[in-house]
Amino acid sequence: MLGAALVDRGFTDLDALDLSPAMLAEAERKSVYGTLTEAKLGDPLPFASGAYDAVIACGVLTTGHAPASCLDELVRITKTGGHVIFTLRSDLTPPGYDDQIARLLETERWELVERGAELQAMPTSEPEVLVRVWAFGVT
C-alpha cells in the first residue's frame, strides 16, 4: 500500500525489501517497484552504503519483526542528506528503539526532522494501537 501511495504522489524509483517471499510476490503484483529484495532487518542489508535517497518503513519496526539495531543499516544505505522515515508504536515502543534513536542522534549520524502526532494504525481492527511517524535526516 505504501508503494502505491508514493507512486500516486509522484515517486517512481522505488525498491521493496521484505523477509517474506509471499509479501514480495504481492509487491510485485502492484507493479510499482523496481527491485524486490528478500532480506531480514537486523542483518546486514545487500545494498551499497548511500544507495538510497530515502528509506521508508511502515508497520515494520515492531516487537518480533525487527530489532532496534536495524536502524544502523537503514542509516548506512541512505545518502547523506537523505531521509529515514518510519512508523513506530508509541503506546508500546518495541525494546531498544528509544535508546537506538538517541544513540544515532548523539553520534550525529542523523537529525530529527519531524516526530508526528500519535495516530491509530488500525482504527477499525485494533484502535488501541497507536503509532507515530518519525523522520530523520542522515548526516
N, C-alpha and C. Protein backbone atom coordinates (compact mmCIF):
# COMPACT_ATOMS: atom_id res chain seq x y z
N MET A 1 0.82 -1.20 0.00
CA MET A 1 0.00 0.00 0.00
C MET A 1 0.86 1.26 0.00
N LEU A 2 1.96 1.21 0.73
CA LEU A 2 2.82 2.39 0.81
C LEU A 2 3.42 2.73 -0.55
N GLY A 3 3.90 1.72 -1.27
CA GLY A 3 4.48 1.96 -2.58
C GLY A 3 3.49 2.59 -3.54
N ALA A 4 2.27 2.09 -3.55
CA ALA A 4 1.24 2.65 -4.43
C ALA A 4 0.94 4.10 -4.05
N ALA A 5 0.89 4.39 -2.76
CA ALA A 5 0.64 5.76 -2.31
C ALA A 5 1.78 6.69 -2.73
N LEU A 6 3.01 6.20 -2.66
CA LEU A 6 4.15 7.02 -3.07
C LEU A 6 4.11 7.29 -4.57
N VAL A 7 3.78 6.28 -5.36
CA VAL A 7 3.67 6.47 -6.81
C VAL A 7 2.58 7.49 -7.11
N ASP A 8 1.46 7.42 -6.41
CA ASP A 8 0.37 8.39 -6.60
C ASP A 8 0.82 9.82 -6.33
N ARG A 9 1.86 9.95 -5.53
CA ARG A 9 2.38 11.29 -5.19
C ARG A 9 3.60 11.67 -6.01
N GLY A 10 3.89 10.89 -7.05
CA GLY A 10 4.93 11.25 -7.98
C GLY A 10 6.27 10.57 -7.82
N PHE A 11 6.43 9.71 -6.84
CA PHE A 11 7.68 8.98 -6.66
C PHE A 11 7.65 7.74 -7.54
N THR A 12 8.70 7.54 -8.32
CA THR A 12 8.65 6.46 -9.30
C THR A 12 9.80 5.47 -9.21
N ASP A 13 10.86 5.80 -8.55
CA ASP A 13 12.02 4.91 -8.47
C ASP A 13 12.03 4.24 -7.10
N LEU A 14 11.23 3.19 -6.96
CA LEU A 14 11.04 2.53 -5.68
C LEU A 14 11.53 1.10 -5.72
N ASP A 15 12.14 0.66 -4.64
CA ASP A 15 12.52 -0.74 -4.44
C ASP A 15 11.80 -1.24 -3.20
N ALA A 16 11.66 -2.54 -3.09
CA ALA A 16 10.99 -3.14 -1.92
C ALA A 16 11.90 -4.17 -1.28
N LEU A 17 11.80 -4.26 0.03
CA LEU A 17 12.52 -5.26 0.81
C LEU A 17 11.53 -5.89 1.77
N ASP A 18 11.57 -7.21 1.88
CA ASP A 18 10.73 -7.89 2.84
C ASP A 18 11.38 -9.22 3.19
N LEU A 19 11.08 -9.73 4.35
CA LEU A 19 11.54 -11.03 4.79
C LEU A 19 10.72 -12.13 4.13
N SER A 20 9.49 -11.83 3.79
CA SER A 20 8.54 -12.82 3.29
C SER A 20 8.48 -12.87 1.76
N PRO A 21 8.77 -14.02 1.16
CA PRO A 21 8.61 -14.16 -0.29
C PRO A 21 7.17 -13.90 -0.73
N ALA A 22 6.20 -14.28 0.10
CA ALA A 22 4.80 -14.04 -0.25
C ALA A 22 4.49 -12.54 -0.31
N MET A 23 5.04 -11.78 0.61
CA MET A 23 4.83 -10.32 0.58
C MET A 23 5.53 -9.69 -0.62
N LEU A 24 6.69 -10.21 -0.97
CA LEU A 24 7.38 -9.71 -2.16
C LEU A 24 6.60 -10.04 -3.42
N ALA A 25 5.96 -11.20 -3.46
CA ALA A 25 5.12 -11.56 -4.61
C ALA A 25 3.94 -10.60 -4.70
N GLU A 26 3.37 -10.24 -3.56
CA GLU A 26 2.27 -9.26 -3.55
C GLU A 26 2.77 -7.90 -4.02
N ALA A 27 3.95 -7.52 -3.58
CA ALA A 27 4.53 -6.25 -4.02
C ALA A 27 4.76 -6.25 -5.53
N GLU A 28 5.21 -7.37 -6.04
CA GLU A 28 5.46 -7.47 -7.49
C GLU A 28 4.17 -7.29 -8.28
N ARG A 29 3.06 -7.82 -7.78
CA ARG A 29 1.77 -7.68 -8.46
C ARG A 29 1.32 -6.23 -8.58
N LYS A 30 1.81 -5.39 -7.69
CA LYS A 30 1.40 -3.97 -7.72
C LYS A 30 2.10 -3.20 -8.83
N SER A 31 3.19 -3.73 -9.35
CA SER A 31 3.92 -3.12 -10.46
C SER A 31 4.38 -1.69 -10.17
N VAL A 32 4.81 -1.44 -8.94
CA VAL A 32 5.31 -0.10 -8.60
C VAL A 32 6.78 -0.12 -8.19
N TYR A 33 7.34 -1.32 -8.01
CA TYR A 33 8.71 -1.44 -7.52
C TYR A 33 9.66 -1.88 -8.62
N GLY A 34 10.89 -1.39 -8.56
CA GLY A 34 11.93 -1.85 -9.45
C GLY A 34 12.48 -3.16 -8.95
N THR A 35 13.34 -3.08 -7.96
CA THR A 35 13.98 -4.26 -7.39
C THR A 35 13.21 -4.75 -6.17
N LEU A 36 13.05 -6.06 -6.08
CA LEU A 36 12.43 -6.70 -4.92
C LEU A 36 13.50 -7.55 -4.24
N THR A 37 13.75 -7.27 -2.97
CA THR A 37 14.83 -7.96 -2.25
C THR A 37 14.30 -8.67 -1.03
N GLU A 38 14.64 -9.94 -0.91
CA GLU A 38 14.30 -10.70 0.29
C GLU A 38 15.47 -10.57 1.27
N ALA A 39 15.21 -9.99 2.42
CA ALA A 39 16.25 -9.80 3.43
C ALA A 39 15.59 -9.58 4.78
N LYS A 40 16.40 -9.73 5.81
CA LYS A 40 15.91 -9.60 7.19
C LYS A 40 16.49 -8.34 7.82
N LEU A 41 15.60 -7.46 8.29
CA LEU A 41 16.07 -6.29 9.03
C LEU A 41 16.73 -6.77 10.31
N GLY A 42 17.88 -6.22 10.58
CA GLY A 42 18.70 -6.65 11.71
C GLY A 42 19.95 -7.35 11.23
N ASP A 43 19.89 -7.89 10.01
CA ASP A 43 21.07 -8.46 9.36
C ASP A 43 21.67 -7.39 8.44
N PRO A 44 22.93 -7.56 8.03
CA PRO A 44 23.48 -6.63 7.03
C PRO A 44 22.63 -6.68 5.76
N LEU A 45 22.31 -5.52 5.23
CA LEU A 45 21.48 -5.45 4.03
C LEU A 45 22.35 -5.47 2.78
N PRO A 46 21.85 -6.08 1.71
CA PRO A 46 22.65 -6.25 0.49
C PRO A 46 22.63 -5.04 -0.43
N PHE A 47 22.84 -3.86 0.15
CA PHE A 47 22.86 -2.62 -0.62
C PHE A 47 24.12 -1.84 -0.28
N ALA A 48 24.60 -1.07 -1.24
CA ALA A 48 25.77 -0.24 -1.02
C ALA A 48 25.45 0.87 -0.03
N SER A 49 26.46 1.33 0.66
CA SER A 49 26.29 2.50 1.54
C SER A 49 25.87 3.69 0.69
N GLY A 50 24.89 4.43 1.17
CA GLY A 50 24.42 5.61 0.45
C GLY A 50 23.66 5.29 -0.82
N ALA A 51 23.11 4.10 -0.93
CA ALA A 51 22.43 3.70 -2.16
C ALA A 51 21.10 4.41 -2.39
N TYR A 52 20.46 4.89 -1.33
CA TYR A 52 19.11 5.43 -1.44
C TYR A 52 19.00 6.87 -0.97
N ASP A 53 18.14 7.63 -1.65
CA ASP A 53 17.83 8.99 -1.23
C ASP A 53 16.98 8.98 0.04
N ALA A 54 16.16 7.96 0.16
CA ALA A 54 15.29 7.83 1.33
C ALA A 54 14.98 6.36 1.55
N VAL A 55 14.76 6.02 2.81
CA VAL A 55 14.34 4.68 3.20
C VAL A 55 13.09 4.87 4.06
N ILE A 56 12.04 4.12 3.73
CA ILE A 56 10.77 4.26 4.43
C ILE A 56 10.32 2.88 4.91
N ALA A 57 9.93 2.82 6.18
CA ALA A 57 9.42 1.57 6.75
C ALA A 57 8.12 1.88 7.48
N CYS A 58 7.06 1.24 7.05
CA CYS A 58 5.75 1.48 7.65
C CYS A 58 5.18 0.16 8.17
N GLY A 59 4.91 0.09 9.47
CA GLY A 59 4.34 -1.10 10.06
C GLY A 59 5.32 -2.25 10.18
N VAL A 60 6.60 -1.96 10.14
CA VAL A 60 7.64 -2.99 10.14
C VAL A 60 8.41 -3.02 11.45
N LEU A 61 8.72 -1.88 12.00
CA LEU A 61 9.56 -1.80 13.18
C LEU A 61 8.70 -2.00 14.42
N THR A 62 8.49 -3.27 14.72
CA THR A 62 7.63 -3.62 15.83
C THR A 62 8.20 -4.86 16.53
N THR A 63 7.76 -5.09 17.73
CA THR A 63 8.26 -6.21 18.52
C THR A 63 8.13 -7.52 17.74
N GLY A 64 9.23 -8.25 17.67
CA GLY A 64 9.24 -9.52 16.97
C GLY A 64 9.51 -9.44 15.48
N HIS A 65 9.54 -8.23 14.93
CA HIS A 65 9.77 -8.09 13.49
C HIS A 65 11.18 -7.64 13.16
N ALA A 66 11.64 -6.62 13.83
CA ALA A 66 12.96 -6.07 13.52
C ALA A 66 13.57 -5.49 14.79
N PRO A 67 14.82 -5.83 15.07
CA PRO A 67 15.47 -5.26 16.25
C PRO A 67 15.85 -3.80 16.02
N ALA A 68 15.99 -3.07 17.09
CA ALA A 68 16.35 -1.66 17.00
C ALA A 68 17.68 -1.45 16.28
N SER A 69 18.56 -2.44 16.32
CA SER A 69 19.85 -2.32 15.64
C SER A 69 19.70 -2.16 14.13
N CYS A 70 18.53 -2.50 13.58
CA CYS A 70 18.33 -2.35 12.13
C CYS A 70 18.41 -0.89 11.70
N LEU A 71 18.20 0.03 12.62
CA LEU A 71 18.27 1.46 12.26
C LEU A 71 19.66 1.83 11.74
N ASP A 72 20.71 1.20 12.27
CA ASP A 72 22.06 1.47 11.78
C ASP A 72 22.18 1.17 10.29
N GLU A 73 21.62 0.05 9.86
CA GLU A 73 21.68 -0.33 8.45
C GLU A 73 20.83 0.60 7.59
N LEU A 74 19.69 1.03 8.10
CA LEU A 74 18.86 1.96 7.34
C LEU A 74 19.60 3.28 7.13
N VAL A 75 20.31 3.73 8.14
CA VAL A 75 21.12 4.94 8.00
C VAL A 75 22.26 4.69 7.01
N ARG A 76 22.91 3.55 7.11
CA ARG A 76 24.05 3.25 6.24
C ARG A 76 23.67 3.28 4.75
N ILE A 77 22.51 2.75 4.41
CA ILE A 77 22.15 2.66 3.00
C ILE A 77 21.51 3.94 2.46
N THR A 78 21.34 4.93 3.34
CA THR A 78 20.74 6.22 2.94
C THR A 78 21.84 7.25 2.71
N LYS A 79 21.72 7.99 1.62
CA LYS A 79 22.70 9.02 1.29
C LYS A 79 22.74 10.10 2.37
N THR A 80 23.90 10.70 2.55
CA THR A 80 24.00 11.88 3.40
C THR A 80 23.06 12.94 2.83
N GLY A 81 22.24 13.51 3.69
CA GLY A 81 21.23 14.47 3.25
C GLY A 81 19.90 13.81 2.91
N GLY A 82 19.89 12.48 2.88
CA GLY A 82 18.66 11.74 2.62
C GLY A 82 17.86 11.56 3.91
N HIS A 83 16.79 10.82 3.81
CA HIS A 83 15.89 10.66 4.95
C HIS A 83 15.59 9.21 5.26
N VAL A 84 15.47 8.93 6.55
CA VAL A 84 14.96 7.66 7.05
C VAL A 84 13.64 7.99 7.74
N ILE A 85 12.57 7.39 7.24
CA ILE A 85 11.22 7.69 7.73
C ILE A 85 10.57 6.36 8.11
N PHE A 86 9.97 6.32 9.29
CA PHE A 86 9.36 5.07 9.73
C PHE A 86 8.25 5.32 10.73
N THR A 87 7.38 4.32 10.84
CA THR A 87 6.39 4.33 11.91
C THR A 87 6.91 3.46 13.04
N LEU A 88 6.53 3.85 14.24
CA LEU A 88 6.94 3.12 15.44
C LEU A 88 5.81 3.23 16.45
N ARG A 89 5.46 2.10 17.05
CA ARG A 89 4.42 2.15 18.06
C ARG A 89 4.82 3.12 19.17
N SER A 90 3.86 3.95 19.56
CA SER A 90 4.13 4.90 20.63
C SER A 90 3.44 4.48 21.92
N ASP A 91 2.43 3.63 21.82
CA ASP A 91 1.76 3.14 23.02
C ASP A 91 2.55 2.02 23.69
N LEU A 92 3.33 1.29 22.89
CA LEU A 92 4.12 0.18 23.39
C LEU A 92 5.37 0.09 22.51
N THR A 93 6.32 1.01 22.75
CA THR A 93 7.52 1.08 21.93
C THR A 93 8.31 -0.22 22.06
N PRO A 94 8.68 -0.81 20.93
CA PRO A 94 9.46 -2.05 21.00
C PRO A 94 10.79 -1.82 21.73
N PRO A 95 11.31 -2.86 22.37
CA PRO A 95 12.53 -2.74 23.15
C PRO A 95 13.71 -2.20 22.33
N GLY A 96 14.44 -1.28 22.94
CA GLY A 96 15.69 -0.78 22.37
C GLY A 96 15.56 0.40 21.42
N TYR A 97 14.37 0.68 20.91
CA TYR A 97 14.24 1.74 19.91
C TYR A 97 14.52 3.13 20.47
N ASP A 98 14.02 3.43 21.65
CA ASP A 98 14.29 4.76 22.23
C ASP A 98 15.80 4.97 22.39
N ASP A 99 16.50 3.95 22.89
CA ASP A 99 17.95 4.07 23.08
C ASP A 99 18.68 4.18 21.74
N GLN A 100 18.26 3.41 20.75
CA GLN A 100 18.93 3.44 19.45
C GLN A 100 18.72 4.78 18.75
N ILE A 101 17.51 5.30 18.81
CA ILE A 101 17.23 6.61 18.24
C ILE A 101 18.12 7.66 18.90
N ALA A 102 18.20 7.62 20.23
CA ALA A 102 19.03 8.57 20.98
C ALA A 102 20.51 8.43 20.61
N ARG A 103 20.99 7.19 20.48
CA ARG A 103 22.40 6.97 20.14
C ARG A 103 22.73 7.54 18.76
N LEU A 104 21.85 7.34 17.80
CA LEU A 104 22.10 7.87 16.45
C LEU A 104 22.07 9.40 16.45
N LEU A 105 21.25 9.99 17.31
CA LEU A 105 21.25 11.45 17.47
C LEU A 105 22.54 11.92 18.13
N GLU A 106 22.94 11.27 19.22
CA GLU A 106 24.14 11.66 19.97
C GLU A 106 25.41 11.53 19.13
N THR A 107 25.47 10.52 18.28
CA THR A 107 26.65 10.31 17.44
C THR A 107 26.56 11.08 16.12
N GLU A 108 25.51 11.87 16.00
CA GLU A 108 25.31 12.76 14.84
C GLU A 108 25.27 12.00 13.52
N ARG A 109 24.70 10.80 13.55
CA ARG A 109 24.50 10.04 12.31
C ARG A 109 23.21 10.46 11.63
N TRP A 110 22.28 11.04 12.42
CA TRP A 110 21.06 11.60 11.86
C TRP A 110 20.56 12.70 12.76
N GLU A 111 19.62 13.50 12.22
CA GLU A 111 18.99 14.56 13.00
C GLU A 111 17.48 14.46 12.81
N LEU A 112 16.77 14.78 13.86
CA LEU A 112 15.32 14.71 13.82
C LEU A 112 14.77 15.80 12.90
N VAL A 113 13.94 15.39 11.95
CA VAL A 113 13.26 16.33 11.07
C VAL A 113 11.83 16.52 11.56
N GLU A 114 11.18 15.41 11.90
CA GLU A 114 9.80 15.52 12.38
C GLU A 114 9.44 14.29 13.20
N ARG A 115 8.69 14.53 14.26
CA ARG A 115 8.11 13.47 15.09
C ARG A 115 6.63 13.74 15.08
N GLY A 116 5.89 12.91 14.35
CA GLY A 116 4.46 13.13 14.16
C GLY A 116 3.65 12.88 15.41
N ALA A 117 2.41 13.33 15.35
CA ALA A 117 1.47 13.09 16.44
C ALA A 117 1.06 11.62 16.43
N GLU A 118 0.62 11.13 17.57
CA GLU A 118 0.14 9.76 17.64
C GLU A 118 -1.11 9.60 16.77
N LEU A 119 -1.20 8.42 16.15
CA LEU A 119 -2.39 8.11 15.37
C LEU A 119 -2.70 6.63 15.50
N GLN A 120 -3.92 6.27 15.22
CA GLN A 120 -4.33 4.88 15.28
C GLN A 120 -3.87 4.19 14.00
N ALA A 121 -3.07 3.15 14.15
CA ALA A 121 -2.56 2.44 12.99
C ALA A 121 -3.67 1.64 12.30
N MET A 122 -4.52 1.04 13.10
CA MET A 122 -5.61 0.20 12.58
C MET A 122 -6.89 0.55 13.33
N PRO A 123 -7.49 1.69 12.99
CA PRO A 123 -8.60 2.21 13.79
C PRO A 123 -9.81 1.27 13.89
N THR A 124 -10.01 0.43 12.90
CA THR A 124 -11.17 -0.47 12.93
C THR A 124 -10.88 -1.75 13.71
N SER A 125 -9.75 -2.40 13.37
CA SER A 125 -9.48 -3.71 13.97
C SER A 125 -8.75 -3.64 15.31
N GLU A 126 -7.85 -2.66 15.49
CA GLU A 126 -7.10 -2.53 16.75
C GLU A 126 -6.94 -1.05 17.11
N PRO A 127 -8.03 -0.41 17.53
CA PRO A 127 -7.97 1.04 17.80
C PRO A 127 -7.03 1.44 18.92
N GLU A 128 -6.67 0.46 19.78
CA GLU A 128 -5.77 0.78 20.89
C GLU A 128 -4.31 0.91 20.45
N VAL A 129 -3.97 0.44 19.26
CA VAL A 129 -2.60 0.50 18.77
C VAL A 129 -2.32 1.91 18.25
N LEU A 130 -1.37 2.58 18.88
CA LEU A 130 -1.00 3.94 18.48
C LEU A 130 0.42 3.94 17.93
N VAL A 131 0.60 4.65 16.84
CA VAL A 131 1.92 4.78 16.23
C VAL A 131 2.24 6.26 16.04
N ARG A 132 3.49 6.48 15.72
CA ARG A 132 3.97 7.83 15.43
C ARG A 132 4.89 7.70 14.22
N VAL A 133 4.85 8.68 13.34
CA VAL A 133 5.77 8.72 12.21
C VAL A 133 6.99 9.53 12.62
N TRP A 134 8.16 8.98 12.36
CA TRP A 134 9.43 9.64 12.65
C TRP A 134 10.12 9.91 11.32
N ALA A 135 10.73 11.07 11.19
CA ALA A 135 11.53 11.39 10.01
C ALA A 135 12.87 11.94 10.47
N PHE A 136 13.95 11.35 9.97
CA PHE A 136 15.30 11.77 10.32
C PHE A 136 16.07 12.09 9.05
N GLY A 137 16.90 13.12 9.13
CA GLY A 137 17.82 13.44 8.05
C GLY A 137 19.16 12.82 8.35
N VAL A 138 19.71 12.10 7.39
CA VAL A 138 21.00 11.44 7.58
C VAL A 138 22.11 12.46 7.44
N THR A 139 22.99 12.49 8.43
CA THR A 139 24.09 13.43 8.41
C THR A 139 25.37 12.69 8.12
